[in-house]
Structures are given as structure tokens and as C-alpha cells.
Amino acid sequence: MNSSDEEKQLQLITSLKEQAIGEYEDLRAENQKTKEKLISTPGSRW
């Protein structure tokens, strides 16, 4: 594998990592909103 291929792979890995982190943060925020909604709902078990 030459350095150009390695550079492309590194860029791909970096891109996928950033995408995964972004999706994780979105899901975490959505989960937090759901928890807050459940806590504020009368009669909830939270």
C-alpha cells in the first residue's frame, strides 16, 4: 500500500469516526429529551 492509499484510508476513518460521534451525540440528546419528558409526565414510573 502506498502513502496515497494510506492517506485515503486515514481520511475515510476520520470521516466515519466523526459521523459516528455525531450520531451518538444526536441519540444521546434525543434520549435525554425522552427521559425529561417521562419525568415530567404525571403518573410516569420514572
C-alpha atoms as a PDB file:
ATOM      1  CA  MET A   1       0.000   0.000   0.000  1.00  0.00           C
ATOM      2  CA  ASN A   2       1.460   3.356  -0.932  1.00  0.00           C
ATOM      3  CA  SER A   3       1.214   6.565   1.057  1.00  0.00           C
ATOM      4  CA  SER A   4      -1.630   7.845  -1.132  1.00  0.00           C
ATOM      5  CA  ASP A   5      -3.749   4.801  -0.248  1.00  0.00           C
ATOM      6  CA  GLU A   6      -2.855   5.192   3.418  1.00  0.00           C
ATOM      7  CA  GLU A   7      -3.855   8.853   3.303  1.00  0.00           C
ATOM      8  CA  LYS A   8      -7.211   7.967   1.717  1.00  0.00           C
ATOM      9  CA  GLN A   9      -7.849   5.309   4.353  1.00  0.00           C
ATOM     10  CA  LEU A  10      -6.957   7.717   7.130  1.00  0.00           C
ATOM     11  CA  GLN A  11      -9.347  10.320   5.721  1.00  0.00           C
ATOM     12  CA  LEU A  12     -12.109   7.705   5.446  1.00  0.00           C
ATOM     13  CA  ILE A  13     -11.573   6.506   9.013  1.00  0.00           C
ATOM     14  CA  THR A  14     -11.576  10.083  10.282  1.00  0.00           C
ATOM     15  CA  SER A  15     -14.784  10.839   8.394  1.00  0.00           C
ATOM     16  CA  LEU A  16     -16.514   7.709   9.691  1.00  0.00           C
ATOM     17  CA  LYS A  17     -15.355   8.470  13.229  1.00  0.00           C
ATOM     18  CA  GLU A  18     -16.767  11.996  13.076  1.00  0.00           C
ATOM     19  CA  GLN A  19     -20.036  10.672  11.637  1.00  0.00           C
ATOM     20  CA  ALA A  20     -20.325   8.059  14.394  1.00  0.00           C
ATOM     21  CA  ILE A  21     -19.638  10.639  17.099  1.00  0.00           C
ATOM     22  CA  GLY A  22     -22.264  12.962  15.616  1.00  0.00           C
ATOM     23  CA  GLU A  23     -24.867  10.207  15.515  1.00  0.00           C
ATOM     24  CA  TYR A  24     -24.020   9.220  19.095  1.00  0.00           C
ATOM     25  CA  GLU A  25     -24.416  12.803  20.301  1.00  0.00           C
ATOM     26  CA  ASP A  26     -27.764  13.136  18.481  1.00  0.00           C
ATOM     27  CA  LEU A  27     -29.050   9.908  20.031  1.00  0.00           C
ATOM     28  CA  ARG A  28     -27.804  10.942  23.451  1.00  0.00           C
ATOM     29  CA  ALA A  29     -29.631  14.279  23.204  1.00  0.00           C
ATOM     30  CA  GLU A  30     -32.802  12.537  21.998  1.00  0.00           C
ATOM     31  CA  ASN A  31     -32.562  10.062  24.876  1.00  0.00           C
ATOM     32  CA  GLN A  32     -32.143  12.908  27.369  1.00  0.00           C
ATOM     33  CA  LYS A  33     -35.234  14.687  25.997  1.00  0.00           C
ATOM     34  CA  THR A  34     -37.221  11.451  26.274  1.00  0.00           C
ATOM     35  CA  LYS A  35     -36.130  10.979  29.877  1.00  0.00           C
ATOM     36  CA  GLU A  36     -37.046  14.566  30.733  1.00  0.00           C
ATOM     37  CA  LYS A  37     -40.445  14.139  29.095  1.00  0.00           C
ATOM     38  CA  LEU A  38     -41.085  10.933  31.042  1.00  0.00           C
ATOM     39  CA  ILE A  39     -40.016  12.549  34.304  1.00  0.00           C
ATOM     40  CA  SER A  40     -42.364  15.492  33.762  1.00  0.00           C
ATOM     41  CA  THR A  41     -45.310  13.282  32.748  1.00  0.00           C
ATOM     42  CA  PRO A  42     -47.762  12.741  35.627  1.00  0.00           C
ATOM     43  CA  GLY A  43     -48.111   9.098  36.538  1.00  0.00           C
ATOM     44  CA  SER A  44     -44.864   8.056  34.915  1.00  0.00           C
ATOM     45  CA  ARG A  45     -42.756   5.440  36.623  1.00  0.00           C
ATOM     46  CA  TRP A  46     -39.530   7.456  36.416  1.00  0.00           C
END
